[in-house]
Protein backbone atom coordinates (compact mmCIF):
# COMPACT_ATOMS: atom_id res chain seq x y z
CA MET A 1 4.48 2.92 1.62
CA SER A 2 2.83 6.26 0.81
CA ASP A 3 2.74 7.67 -2.73
CA HIS A 4 4.85 10.62 -1.60
CA LEU A 5 7.55 8.39 -0.19
CA LYS A 6 7.61 6.31 -3.38
CA ALA A 7 8.03 9.51 -5.38
CA VAL A 8 10.86 10.67 -3.12
CA LEU A 9 12.71 7.37 -3.52
CA LEU A 10 12.24 7.39 -7.30
CA VAL A 11 13.63 10.91 -7.69
CA VAL A 12 16.52 10.35 -5.26
CA PHE A 13 17.45 7.19 -7.16
CA SER A 14 17.25 9.10 -10.46
CA GLY A 15 19.88 11.49 -9.10
CA LEU A 16 22.07 8.55 -8.13
CA VAL A 17 21.79 7.08 -11.64
CA TRP A 18 22.61 10.44 -13.25
CA SER A 19 25.65 10.87 -11.00
CA PHE A 20 27.48 8.24 -13.06
CA GLY A 21 27.20 10.52 -16.11
CA THR A 22 30.09 12.66 -14.90
CA LEU A 23 32.28 9.58 -14.63
CA VAL A 24 31.35 8.45 -18.15
CA VAL A 25 32.11 11.84 -19.75
CA LYS A 26 35.45 12.09 -17.96
CA HIS A 27 36.55 8.88 -19.72
CA MET A 28 35.93 10.31 -23.21
CA VAL A 29 38.75 10.51 -25.73
CA ASP A 30 39.41 14.22 -26.50
CA PRO A 31 36.04 15.43 -25.13
CA GLN A 32 36.53 18.99 -26.44
CA ILE A 33 36.73 17.62 -30.00
CA TYR A 34 33.98 15.00 -30.00
CA GLN A 35 31.26 16.75 -28.00
CA LEU A 36 28.76 17.03 -30.86
CA PRO A 37 28.95 13.46 -32.24
CA TYR A 38 28.84 12.27 -28.63
CA LEU A 39 25.63 14.25 -28.05
CA LEU A 40 24.17 12.94 -31.30
CA VAL A 41 24.67 9.30 -30.31
CA ARG A 42 23.55 9.96 -26.74
CA GLY A 43 20.38 11.71 -27.91
CA ILE A 44 19.46 8.79 -30.16
CA THR A 45 20.08 6.39 -27.27
CA VAL A 46 17.82 8.39 -24.93
CA ALA A 47 15.02 8.49 -27.52
CA VAL A 48 15.31 4.75 -28.25
CA VAL A 49 15.40 3.64 -24.60
CA ILE A 50 12.40 5.74 -23.62
CA SER A 51 10.50 4.71 -26.76
CA VAL A 52 11.04 1.05 -25.85
CA TYR A 53 9.73 1.81 -22.35
CA LEU A 54 6.61 3.45 -23.79
CA LEU A 55 6.09 0.60 -26.25
CA MET A 56 6.09 -1.83 -23.34
CA ARG A 57 3.53 0.31 -21.49
CA GLU A 58 1.26 1.39 -24.35
CA GLY A 59 1.76 -1.14 -27.11
CA SER A 60 0.96 -0.07 -30.68
CA SER A 61 -0.82 3.10 -29.50
CA PHE A 62 2.66 4.54 -28.92
CA PHE A 63 3.04 5.23 -32.64
CA SER A 64 -0.14 7.28 -32.87
CA ASN A 65 0.61 9.14 -29.64
CA VAL A 66 4.16 10.11 -30.55
CA ILE A 67 3.04 12.03 -33.66
CA ARG A 68 0.51 14.08 -31.66
CA VAL A 69 2.92 16.89 -30.99
CA ASP A 70 1.79 19.75 -28.75
CA LYS A 71 3.49 22.95 -27.69
CA ILE A 72 4.43 21.74 -24.20
CA SER A 73 6.06 18.58 -25.56
CA ILE A 74 8.11 20.59 -28.05
CA LEU A 75 9.07 23.18 -25.43
CA GLY A 76 9.96 20.50 -22.88
CA GLY A 77 12.04 18.65 -25.46
CA ILE A 78 13.95 21.82 -26.36
CA LEU A 79 14.58 22.62 -22.70
CA LEU A 80 15.81 19.09 -22.03
CA THR A 81 18.09 19.38 -25.06
CA THR A 82 19.46 22.63 -23.62
CA ALA A 83 20.24 20.79 -20.38
CA PHE A 84 21.93 17.96 -22.31
CA VAL A 85 24.11 20.22 -24.44
CA GLY A 86 24.99 22.54 -21.56
CA PHE A 87 26.08 19.65 -19.34
CA ILE A 88 28.42 18.12 -21.93
CA TYR A 89 30.05 21.44 -22.82
CA SER A 90 30.40 22.31 -19.13
CA ILE A 91 31.82 19.03 -17.86
CA SER A 92 34.34 18.87 -20.72
CA ASN A 93 35.59 22.44 -20.13
CA THR A 94 35.84 22.57 -16.35
CA THR A 95 35.97 20.30 -13.29
CA ALA A 96 33.13 18.03 -12.22
CA ALA A 97 32.63 20.03 -9.02
CA VAL A 98 32.11 23.35 -10.88
CA THR A 99 29.55 21.80 -13.24
CA LEU A 100 27.70 20.07 -10.43
CA PHE A 101 27.70 23.26 -8.36
CA MET A 102 25.79 25.01 -11.14
CA LEU A 103 23.34 22.09 -11.19
CA ALA A 104 22.79 22.68 -7.47
CA LEU A 105 21.02 25.93 -8.42
CA MET A 106 18.23 23.92 -10.08
CA PRO A 107 15.81 23.89 -7.10
CA PHE A 108 15.83 27.68 -6.87
CA LEU A 109 15.43 28.12 -10.61
CA ALA A 110 12.69 25.49 -10.84
CA SER A 111 10.74 27.01 -7.94
CA LEU A 112 10.96 30.50 -9.45
CA ILE A 113 9.89 29.32 -12.92
CA ALA A 114 7.04 27.22 -11.49
CA PHE A 115 5.81 30.14 -9.38
CA ILE A 116 5.78 32.50 -12.36
CA PHE A 117 4.24 30.21 -14.97
CA ILE A 118 2.05 27.67 -13.15
CA LYS A 119 1.50 29.50 -9.83
CA GLU A 120 3.11 26.68 -7.89
CA LYS A 121 3.98 27.64 -4.32
CA ILE A 122 7.04 26.52 -2.41
CA SER A 123 6.88 25.11 1.10
CA LEU A 124 8.94 26.62 3.91
CA GLN A 125 10.66 23.30 4.53
CA ASN A 126 11.62 22.92 0.88
CA PHE A 127 13.00 26.47 0.83
CA ILE A 128 15.07 25.87 3.97
CA SER A 129 16.37 22.61 2.51
CA MET A 130 17.43 24.42 -0.67
CA ILE A 131 19.30 27.05 1.36
CA VAL A 132 21.12 24.29 3.27
CA ALA A 133 21.99 22.53 -0.01
CA LEU A 134 23.29 25.76 -1.52
CA CYS A 135 25.45 26.31 1.57
CA GLY A 136 26.86 22.84 1.02
CA THR A 137 27.76 23.61 -2.57
CA LEU A 138 29.31 26.94 -1.55
CA VAL A 139 31.55 25.04 0.87
CA MET A 140 32.61 22.84 -2.07
CA ILE A 141 33.38 25.80 -4.29
CA TYR A 142 35.37 27.53 -1.55
CA SER A 143 37.88 24.69 -1.73
CA SER A 144 39.42 26.15 -4.93
CA VAL A 145 37.61 23.94 -7.46
CA PHE A 146 37.17 26.77 -10.00
CA ASN A 147 39.56 25.21 -12.49
CA GLY A 148 38.70 25.32 -16.17
CA SER A 149 37.12 27.99 -18.31
CA VAL A 150 34.43 30.54 -17.57
CA PHE A 151 32.69 29.09 -20.62
CA GLY A 152 32.38 25.76 -18.78
CA LEU A 153 30.81 27.51 -15.79
CA ILE A 154 28.33 29.42 -17.99
CA MET A 155 27.32 26.26 -19.83
CA GLY A 156 26.76 24.60 -16.46
CA PHE A 157 24.34 27.37 -15.52
CA ILE A 158 22.54 27.05 -18.87
CA SER A 159 22.21 23.31 -18.27
CA SER A 160 20.80 23.97 -14.79
CA LEU A 161 18.31 26.52 -16.12
CA GLY A 162 17.22 24.21 -18.95
CA PHE A 163 16.61 21.27 -16.64
CA ALA A 164 14.78 23.42 -14.09
CA ALA A 165 12.39 24.69 -16.78
CA PHE A 166 12.03 21.16 -18.18
CA SER A 167 10.97 19.94 -14.72
CA VAL A 168 8.18 22.52 -14.70
CA THR A 169 6.89 21.25 -18.07
CA LEU A 170 6.71 17.74 -16.58
CA ARG A 171 4.51 19.05 -13.78
CA SER A 172 2.05 20.42 -16.36
CA LYS A 173 1.55 17.14 -18.25
CA SER A 174 -0.47 14.00 -17.47
CA ASP A 175 1.20 10.74 -16.48
CA LEU A 176 1.89 9.18 -19.88
CA LYS A 177 2.12 12.32 -21.99
CA LYS A 178 5.08 13.61 -19.99
CA PHE A 179 7.22 10.74 -21.27
CA TYR A 180 6.89 11.98 -24.84
CA ILE A 181 8.74 15.12 -23.76
CA LEU A 182 11.68 12.82 -23.03
CA VAL A 183 11.49 11.22 -26.48
CA PHE A 184 11.45 14.63 -28.16
CA GLY A 185 14.33 15.75 -25.94
CA GLY A 186 16.49 12.91 -27.25
CA ILE A 187 15.46 13.55 -30.86
CA PHE A 188 16.03 17.31 -30.66
CA CYS A 189 19.42 16.78 -29.02
CA SER A 190 20.52 14.59 -31.94
CA LEU A 191 19.11 16.92 -34.60
CA ILE A 192 20.64 20.07 -33.12
CA SER A 193 24.01 18.37 -32.71
CA LEU A 194 23.86 17.19 -36.34
CA LEU A 195 22.90 20.64 -37.63
CA ILE A 196 25.76 22.31 -35.75
CA MET A 197 28.18 19.74 -37.16
CA ILE A 198 26.93 20.41 -40.70
CA PHE A 199 27.10 24.18 -40.20
CA ASN A 200 30.68 23.93 -38.89
CA HIS A 201 31.64 21.48 -41.67
CA GLN A 202 32.64 19.02 -38.99
CA GLU A 203 33.24 15.48 -40.19
CA PHE A 204 31.08 12.90 -38.45
CA TYR A 205 33.67 10.78 -36.77
CA ILE A 206 33.80 9.56 -33.22
CA PRO A 207 36.23 7.05 -31.67
CA LEU A 208 34.68 3.67 -30.92
CA ARG A 209 35.41 4.17 -27.21
CA ASN A 210 33.34 7.37 -27.24
CA VAL A 211 30.49 5.57 -29.03
CA TYR A 212 30.30 3.00 -26.23
CA LEU A 213 30.52 5.72 -23.60
CA SER A 214 27.81 7.76 -25.32
CA ILE A 215 25.44 4.79 -25.49
CA THR A 216 26.16 4.02 -21.83
CA HIS A 217 25.60 7.65 -20.85
CA GLY A 218 22.39 7.84 -22.91
CA SER A 219 21.05 4.73 -21.18
CA LEU A 220 21.84 6.18 -17.74
CA VAL A 221 20.18 9.47 -18.67
CA ALA A 222 17.08 7.69 -20.01
CA VAL A 223 16.66 5.48 -16.94
CA GLY A 224 17.11 8.49 -14.66
CA LEU A 225 14.58 10.51 -16.66
CA ILE A 226 12.00 7.73 -16.43
CA LEU A 227 12.42 7.55 -12.65
CA PHE A 228 12.38 11.36 -12.38
CA SER A 229 9.19 11.60 -14.48
CA LEU A 230 7.44 8.89 -12.45
CA GLY A 231 8.16 10.84 -9.28
CA SER A 232 7.09 14.20 -10.73
CA LYS A 233 3.37 13.52 -10.17
CA GLU A 234 3.60 13.74 -6.38
CA LEU A 235 6.27 16.42 -5.96
CA LEU A 236 6.52 20.14 -6.62
CA SER A 237 9.07 21.45 -9.10
CA GLY A 238 11.47 22.70 -6.41
CA GLU A 239 11.16 19.46 -4.49
CA LEU A 240 11.84 17.43 -7.63
CA THR A 241 15.10 19.17 -8.45
CA MET A 242 16.09 19.34 -4.79
CA LEU A 243 15.86 15.57 -4.32
CA SER A 244 17.78 14.88 -7.53
CA LEU A 245 20.80 16.72 -6.09
CA LEU A 246 22.27 13.39 -5.09
CA GLU A 247 23.74 13.68 -8.60
CA VAL A 248 26.00 16.44 -7.24
CA VAL A 249 27.38 14.36 -4.38
CA GLY A 250 27.55 11.11 -6.32
CA GLY A 251 29.22 12.72 -9.34
CA ILE A 252 32.05 14.15 -7.26
CA PHE A 253 32.45 10.85 -5.39
CA TRP A 254 32.69 8.74 -8.56
CA ALA A 255 35.16 11.23 -10.09
CA TRP A 256 37.33 10.80 -6.98
CA LEU A 257 37.12 7.01 -6.47
CA PRO A 258 40.57 5.83 -7.60
CA ILE A 259 39.37 2.48 -8.91
CA LEU A 260 37.17 4.26 -11.49
CA GLY A 261 40.12 6.04 -13.06
CA VAL A 262 39.30 9.78 -13.01
CA ASN A 263 41.08 10.69 -9.76
CA GLU A 264 39.73 14.22 -9.24
CA THR A 265 40.53 14.21 -5.53
CA PRO A 266 38.08 16.29 -3.47
CA SER A 267 39.31 18.36 -0.55
CA ILE A 268 38.00 18.04 2.98
CA LYS A 269 35.76 21.06 2.35
CA THR A 270 34.31 19.39 -0.73
CA ILE A 271 33.49 16.31 1.33
CA ILE A 272 31.92 18.46 4.06
CA GLY A 273 29.85 20.23 1.41
CA GLY A 274 28.64 16.88 0.08
CA VAL A 275 27.58 15.80 3.57
CA ILE A 276 25.65 19.07 3.99
CA ILE A 277 23.82 18.44 0.70
CA CYS A 278 22.89 14.93 1.86
CA ILE A 279 21.52 16.42 5.10
CA ALA A 280 19.47 18.89 3.02
CA ILE A 281 18.03 16.03 0.95
CA LEU A 282 17.07 14.18 4.13
CA MET A 283 15.47 17.35 5.52
CA ASN A 284 13.45 17.75 2.35
CA SER A 285 12.37 14.08 2.31
CA TYR A 286 11.24 13.83 5.95
CA ARG A 287 8.08 15.90 5.53
CA PHE A 288 6.65 13.57 2.92
CA ASP A 289 6.67 10.60 5.26
CA LYS A 290 5.76 12.44 8.46
CA LYS A 291 2.14 11.27 8.54
CA ARG A 292 3.16 7.66 8.06
CA LEU A 293 5.65 7.95 10.94
CA GLU A 294 2.95 9.45 13.18
CA LYS A 295 0.68 6.48 12.43
CA LEU A 296 3.47 4.04 13.28
CA VAL A 297 4.03 5.77 16.64
CA ARG A 298 0.34 5.44 17.46
């Protein structure tokens, strides 16, 4: 298996893992009330899970490496925190489909940011795939899923922009150093949530159910980030975010599946849009394995 194909599979699987996040948040008790303590616990969970992963890979050198803070790690951590906070505020103020539609803009945003700041070009095939994916999401939105507040939609866009920029910071770091961005992202998310709670004089209380959900969500986010970061070495920024769009399709599917208890039933157009996005992901993935397929034919 080629390195490119491995990277594709890692990033696609990261999107699948993240897609369960929507389901977890939808099971929160009073999500509009407990957003900040939820983010605090989730941020700590992300930092702990990724730190354990790094400890297993690096041993005791992890402790000396984690205190070597550089500008990119801080910036990446802040951008990841922006994505975290935006997602929670969006998904708890509007429908899953609206939030995930905004996340579908990530490939375009990531490609634009990467082109401006690190002179990273975009392939024609990746661009076509992104257009197809956007068409799929537009089909979803056309099926009257714009329920909820404008605030939820705006926060979804902020989350998309934050994650797109975060993906570009990953592309600029070496293999192991990029994982420290994830640790700082979890830490910053917790600190910012705590500071906002203190500023608003909000009592730190969160129902036990939400604690369990937050830890579960944090673990899913951390695992997905590890897979996403491992795949970032071989893929361009636009390709990275494009392949992770399985989160969009999976999130809507889990929110619909009756046995999982959310019951946000998608329309036929939403389903068609999801199929179009899957086709776009397949279109984007094919190029990476084309040489291997040519060898097999020979």
